[in-house]
N, C-alpha and C. Protein backbone atom coordinates (compact mmCIF):
# COMPACT_ATOMS: atom_id res chain seq x y z
N MET A 1 -33.08 -1.86 15.95
CA MET A 1 -32.55 -2.26 14.67
C MET A 1 -31.11 -2.74 14.85
N THR A 2 -30.83 -3.90 14.31
CA THR A 2 -29.50 -4.47 14.46
C THR A 2 -28.78 -4.45 13.12
N TYR A 3 -27.49 -4.41 13.18
CA TYR A 3 -26.65 -4.43 11.98
C TYR A 3 -25.99 -5.79 11.85
N THR A 4 -25.93 -6.26 10.64
CA THR A 4 -25.16 -7.47 10.39
C THR A 4 -23.74 -7.05 10.02
N ALA A 5 -22.86 -8.01 9.92
CA ALA A 5 -21.48 -7.70 9.56
C ALA A 5 -21.40 -7.14 8.15
N THR A 6 -22.21 -7.65 7.24
CA THR A 6 -22.21 -7.15 5.87
C THR A 6 -22.74 -5.73 5.80
N GLY A 7 -23.80 -5.46 6.51
CA GLY A 7 -24.35 -4.12 6.52
C GLY A 7 -23.41 -3.10 7.14
N PHE A 8 -22.64 -3.53 8.11
CA PHE A 8 -21.69 -2.63 8.76
C PHE A 8 -20.48 -2.36 7.87
N SER A 9 -20.02 -3.37 7.16
CA SER A 9 -18.79 -3.22 6.36
C SER A 9 -19.06 -2.76 4.94
N ASN A 10 -20.30 -2.76 4.49
CA ASN A 10 -20.60 -2.40 3.11
C ASN A 10 -20.15 -0.98 2.74
N PRO A 11 -20.36 0.05 3.56
CA PRO A 11 -19.87 1.38 3.16
C PRO A 11 -18.36 1.42 2.97
N VAL A 12 -17.63 0.72 3.80
CA VAL A 12 -16.17 0.69 3.66
C VAL A 12 -15.80 -0.05 2.39
N ARG A 13 -16.48 -1.14 2.08
CA ARG A 13 -16.19 -1.88 0.85
C ARG A 13 -16.48 -1.05 -0.38
N VAL A 14 -17.57 -0.29 -0.35
CA VAL A 14 -17.92 0.56 -1.50
C VAL A 14 -16.85 1.62 -1.72
N ILE A 15 -16.36 2.22 -0.65
CA ILE A 15 -15.33 3.26 -0.78
C ILE A 15 -14.04 2.67 -1.35
N PHE A 16 -13.62 1.52 -0.85
CA PHE A 16 -12.34 0.96 -1.26
C PHE A 16 -12.40 0.14 -2.54
N GLU A 17 -13.58 -0.08 -3.13
CA GLU A 17 -13.65 -0.81 -4.39
C GLU A 17 -12.96 -0.05 -5.51
N GLY A 18 -12.96 1.28 -5.44
CA GLY A 18 -12.27 2.07 -6.45
C GLY A 18 -10.77 1.90 -6.40
N ILE A 19 -10.25 1.63 -5.22
CA ILE A 19 -8.80 1.44 -5.07
C ILE A 19 -8.41 0.00 -5.37
N PHE A 20 -9.10 -0.96 -4.78
CA PHE A 20 -8.72 -2.36 -4.93
C PHE A 20 -9.16 -2.96 -6.25
N ARG A 21 -10.22 -2.45 -6.84
CA ARG A 21 -10.79 -2.95 -8.10
C ARG A 21 -10.92 -4.47 -8.11
N PRO A 22 -11.79 -5.03 -7.28
CA PRO A 22 -11.94 -6.48 -7.27
C PRO A 22 -12.64 -6.99 -8.52
N ALA A 23 -12.30 -8.18 -8.91
CA ALA A 23 -12.93 -8.82 -10.07
C ALA A 23 -14.12 -9.63 -9.59
N GLN A 24 -15.26 -9.46 -10.24
CA GLN A 24 -16.45 -10.20 -9.86
C GLN A 24 -16.83 -11.13 -11.00
N ILE A 25 -17.07 -12.37 -10.66
CA ILE A 25 -17.47 -13.39 -11.62
C ILE A 25 -18.88 -13.82 -11.26
N GLU A 26 -19.77 -13.79 -12.23
CA GLU A 26 -21.16 -14.17 -11.98
C GLU A 26 -21.50 -15.38 -12.84
N ASP A 27 -22.02 -16.40 -12.21
CA ASP A 27 -22.40 -17.63 -12.91
C ASP A 27 -23.90 -17.81 -12.74
N ARG A 28 -24.64 -17.80 -13.84
CA ARG A 28 -26.09 -17.96 -13.78
C ARG A 28 -26.48 -19.28 -14.43
N ARG A 29 -27.37 -19.98 -13.78
CA ARG A 29 -27.92 -21.21 -14.34
C ARG A 29 -29.41 -21.02 -14.52
N GLU A 30 -29.85 -21.16 -15.73
CA GLU A 30 -31.26 -20.93 -16.03
C GLU A 30 -31.91 -22.25 -16.45
N THR A 31 -33.16 -22.39 -16.10
CA THR A 31 -33.87 -23.61 -16.46
C THR A 31 -34.62 -23.43 -17.77
N VAL A 32 -35.84 -22.97 -17.73
CA VAL A 32 -36.69 -22.88 -18.91
C VAL A 32 -36.56 -21.52 -19.58
N ALA A 33 -36.66 -20.49 -18.82
CA ALA A 33 -36.64 -19.14 -19.37
C ALA A 33 -35.74 -18.27 -18.50
N GLN A 34 -35.58 -17.03 -18.92
CA GLN A 34 -34.75 -16.11 -18.15
C GLN A 34 -35.33 -15.84 -16.78
N HIS A 35 -36.61 -15.93 -16.64
CA HIS A 35 -37.25 -15.56 -15.40
C HIS A 35 -37.15 -16.64 -14.33
N PHE A 36 -36.80 -17.85 -14.71
CA PHE A 36 -36.73 -18.95 -13.77
C PHE A 36 -35.28 -19.40 -13.65
N ARG A 37 -34.59 -18.89 -12.69
CA ARG A 37 -33.19 -19.26 -12.47
C ARG A 37 -33.11 -20.24 -11.31
N THR A 38 -32.30 -21.25 -11.48
CA THR A 38 -32.13 -22.20 -10.39
C THR A 38 -31.08 -21.72 -9.40
N ALA A 39 -30.03 -21.07 -9.91
CA ALA A 39 -28.98 -20.62 -9.00
C ALA A 39 -28.22 -19.45 -9.62
N ILE A 40 -27.81 -18.55 -8.78
CA ILE A 40 -26.91 -17.48 -9.17
C ILE A 40 -25.76 -17.51 -8.17
N ARG A 41 -24.59 -17.69 -8.69
CA ARG A 41 -23.41 -17.76 -7.83
C ARG A 41 -22.48 -16.60 -8.19
N ARG A 42 -22.12 -15.81 -7.22
CA ARG A 42 -21.21 -14.70 -7.44
C ARG A 42 -19.93 -14.95 -6.66
N GLU A 43 -18.83 -14.80 -7.36
CA GLU A 43 -17.53 -14.93 -6.71
C GLU A 43 -16.82 -13.60 -6.79
N ARG A 44 -16.10 -13.29 -5.76
CA ARG A 44 -15.38 -12.03 -5.70
C ARG A 44 -13.91 -12.33 -5.44
N GLU A 45 -13.08 -11.90 -6.34
CA GLU A 45 -11.65 -12.15 -6.20
C GLU A 45 -10.98 -10.83 -5.81
N GLU A 46 -10.36 -10.84 -4.67
CA GLU A 46 -9.65 -9.64 -4.19
C GLU A 46 -8.26 -9.64 -4.80
N ILE A 47 -7.92 -8.55 -5.46
CA ILE A 47 -6.59 -8.39 -6.03
C ILE A 47 -5.91 -7.29 -5.22
N TYR A 48 -4.86 -7.66 -4.51
CA TYR A 48 -4.21 -6.72 -3.62
C TYR A 48 -3.32 -5.76 -4.40
N ILE A 49 -3.13 -4.58 -3.85
CA ILE A 49 -2.35 -3.54 -4.51
C ILE A 49 -0.91 -4.00 -4.73
N VAL A 50 -0.34 -4.68 -3.73
CA VAL A 50 1.03 -5.16 -3.86
C VAL A 50 1.12 -6.15 -5.01
N ASP A 51 0.14 -7.03 -5.14
CA ASP A 51 0.14 -7.98 -6.25
C ASP A 51 0.04 -7.27 -7.58
N ARG A 52 -0.86 -6.29 -7.67
CA ARG A 52 -1.09 -5.61 -8.94
C ARG A 52 0.08 -4.72 -9.34
N LEU A 53 0.71 -4.05 -8.39
CA LEU A 53 1.75 -3.08 -8.72
C LEU A 53 3.16 -3.63 -8.62
N LEU A 54 3.38 -4.71 -7.88
CA LEU A 54 4.74 -5.21 -7.69
C LEU A 54 4.92 -6.64 -8.17
N VAL A 55 4.09 -7.54 -7.67
CA VAL A 55 4.31 -8.96 -7.94
C VAL A 55 4.04 -9.31 -9.40
N ARG A 56 2.93 -8.85 -9.95
CA ARG A 56 2.60 -9.19 -11.34
C ARG A 56 3.60 -8.64 -12.35
N PRO A 57 4.05 -7.36 -12.24
CA PRO A 57 5.06 -6.91 -13.20
C PRO A 57 6.38 -7.67 -13.07
N VAL A 58 6.78 -7.99 -11.84
CA VAL A 58 8.02 -8.76 -11.65
C VAL A 58 7.86 -10.16 -12.25
N THR A 59 6.69 -10.76 -12.05
CA THR A 59 6.43 -12.09 -12.60
C THR A 59 6.43 -12.06 -14.13
N ARG A 60 5.78 -11.04 -14.71
CA ARG A 60 5.77 -10.93 -16.18
C ARG A 60 7.17 -10.74 -16.73
N THR A 61 7.99 -9.92 -16.05
CA THR A 61 9.36 -9.69 -16.49
C THR A 61 10.18 -10.98 -16.39
N ALA A 62 10.03 -11.70 -15.29
CA ALA A 62 10.76 -12.96 -15.13
C ALA A 62 10.34 -13.98 -16.18
N MET A 63 9.05 -14.03 -16.49
CA MET A 63 8.59 -14.96 -17.53
C MET A 63 9.12 -14.57 -18.90
N ALA A 64 9.20 -13.27 -19.18
CA ALA A 64 9.74 -12.82 -20.47
C ALA A 64 11.22 -13.16 -20.57
N ILE A 65 11.97 -12.94 -19.49
CA ILE A 65 13.40 -13.28 -19.50
C ILE A 65 13.59 -14.78 -19.64
N SER A 66 12.77 -15.57 -18.94
CA SER A 66 12.92 -17.02 -19.04
C SER A 66 12.56 -17.54 -20.43
N SER A 67 11.59 -16.89 -21.08
CA SER A 67 11.28 -17.34 -22.45
C SER A 67 12.40 -16.99 -23.41
N MET A 68 13.11 -15.87 -23.17
CA MET A 68 14.27 -15.55 -24.00
C MET A 68 15.42 -16.52 -23.73
N LEU A 69 15.61 -16.87 -22.45
CA LEU A 69 16.68 -17.81 -22.10
C LEU A 69 16.37 -19.22 -22.60
N ARG A 70 15.09 -19.51 -22.78
CA ARG A 70 14.72 -20.84 -23.28
C ARG A 70 15.28 -21.09 -24.67
N GLU A 71 15.47 -20.02 -25.43
CA GLU A 71 15.97 -20.16 -26.79
C GLU A 71 17.41 -20.68 -26.83
N ILE A 72 18.20 -20.39 -25.79
CA ILE A 72 19.59 -20.84 -25.83
C ILE A 72 19.75 -22.28 -25.33
N HIS A 73 18.70 -22.83 -24.75
CA HIS A 73 18.77 -24.22 -24.26
C HIS A 73 18.25 -25.15 -25.34
N HIS A 74 19.16 -25.72 -26.06
CA HIS A 74 18.76 -26.61 -27.15
C HIS A 74 19.25 -28.03 -26.96
N GLY A 75 19.79 -28.35 -25.78
CA GLY A 75 20.10 -29.73 -25.45
C GLY A 75 21.51 -30.19 -25.72
N LYS A 76 22.43 -29.31 -26.06
CA LYS A 76 23.81 -29.73 -26.33
C LYS A 76 24.65 -29.49 -25.08
N LEU A 77 25.25 -30.55 -24.58
CA LEU A 77 26.00 -30.49 -23.34
C LEU A 77 27.22 -29.59 -23.45
N ASN A 78 27.89 -29.58 -24.61
CA ASN A 78 29.06 -28.72 -24.79
C ASN A 78 28.68 -27.24 -24.69
N SER A 79 27.51 -26.90 -25.17
CA SER A 79 27.05 -25.51 -25.06
C SER A 79 26.83 -25.12 -23.60
N TYR A 80 26.23 -26.02 -22.83
CA TYR A 80 26.00 -25.74 -21.41
C TYR A 80 27.32 -25.55 -20.68
N ALA A 81 28.28 -26.38 -20.98
CA ALA A 81 29.60 -26.26 -20.35
C ALA A 81 30.25 -24.93 -20.74
N ALA A 82 30.08 -24.50 -21.98
CA ALA A 82 30.63 -23.22 -22.42
C ALA A 82 29.94 -22.07 -21.69
N TYR A 83 28.62 -22.16 -21.46
CA TYR A 83 27.90 -21.12 -20.73
C TYR A 83 28.42 -21.02 -19.29
N VAL A 84 28.64 -22.16 -18.66
CA VAL A 84 29.13 -22.17 -17.27
C VAL A 84 30.54 -21.60 -17.22
N LEU A 85 31.39 -21.98 -18.18
CA LEU A 85 32.75 -21.46 -18.21
C LEU A 85 32.76 -19.95 -18.45
N GLY A 86 31.92 -19.49 -19.35
CA GLY A 86 31.82 -18.05 -19.61
C GLY A 86 31.34 -17.28 -18.38
N ALA A 87 30.32 -17.82 -17.69
CA ALA A 87 29.82 -17.16 -16.47
C ALA A 87 30.89 -17.15 -15.38
N LEU A 88 31.66 -18.21 -15.27
CA LEU A 88 32.74 -18.27 -14.28
C LEU A 88 33.81 -17.24 -14.60
N LEU A 89 34.19 -17.11 -15.86
CA LEU A 89 35.20 -16.12 -16.25
C LEU A 89 34.71 -14.69 -15.99
N VAL A 90 33.46 -14.42 -16.29
CA VAL A 90 32.91 -13.09 -16.03
C VAL A 90 32.91 -12.81 -14.53
N ALA A 91 32.54 -13.79 -13.71
CA ALA A 91 32.53 -13.61 -12.26
C ALA A 91 33.94 -13.36 -11.73
N LEU A 92 34.92 -14.09 -12.25
CA LEU A 92 36.30 -13.89 -11.82
C LEU A 92 36.81 -12.52 -12.23
N LEU A 93 36.51 -12.07 -13.44
CA LEU A 93 36.95 -10.75 -13.88
C LEU A 93 36.29 -9.64 -13.07
N LEU A 94 35.02 -9.77 -12.77
CA LEU A 94 34.33 -8.79 -11.94
C LEU A 94 34.93 -8.78 -10.52
N GLY A 95 35.27 -9.95 -10.02
CA GLY A 95 35.89 -10.03 -8.70
C GLY A 95 37.24 -9.35 -8.66
N LEU A 96 38.03 -9.48 -9.73
CA LEU A 96 39.32 -8.83 -9.79
C LEU A 96 39.19 -7.31 -9.95
N LEU A 97 38.23 -6.89 -10.74
CA LEU A 97 38.05 -5.45 -11.00
C LEU A 97 37.46 -4.72 -9.80
N LEU A 98 36.61 -5.36 -9.06
CA LEU A 98 35.93 -4.71 -7.93
C LEU A 98 36.70 -4.85 -6.63
N ARG A 99 37.81 -5.46 -6.66
CA ARG A 99 38.58 -5.69 -5.46
C ARG A 99 39.25 -4.47 -4.96
């Protein structure tokens, strides 16, 4: 009796599915009735722990901050110059205080 790669790795995949929680997408194409299917395609998307616990929350936070910052950008050049001047003054004051 020989083992295929899928048969050998299936127990490990079953154990780690609880940790990784992969998303499975199933696409069924039916012809006349439910009993006659032309194709069943299953896709498996692996979601890594680092992505789920670190990258996605950081991305969501950055998107939330950028949407808040979007409100201050209304297209007036004098406002942009004032923002740059204010940021420069804050940086200079922090530089003097932390010296």
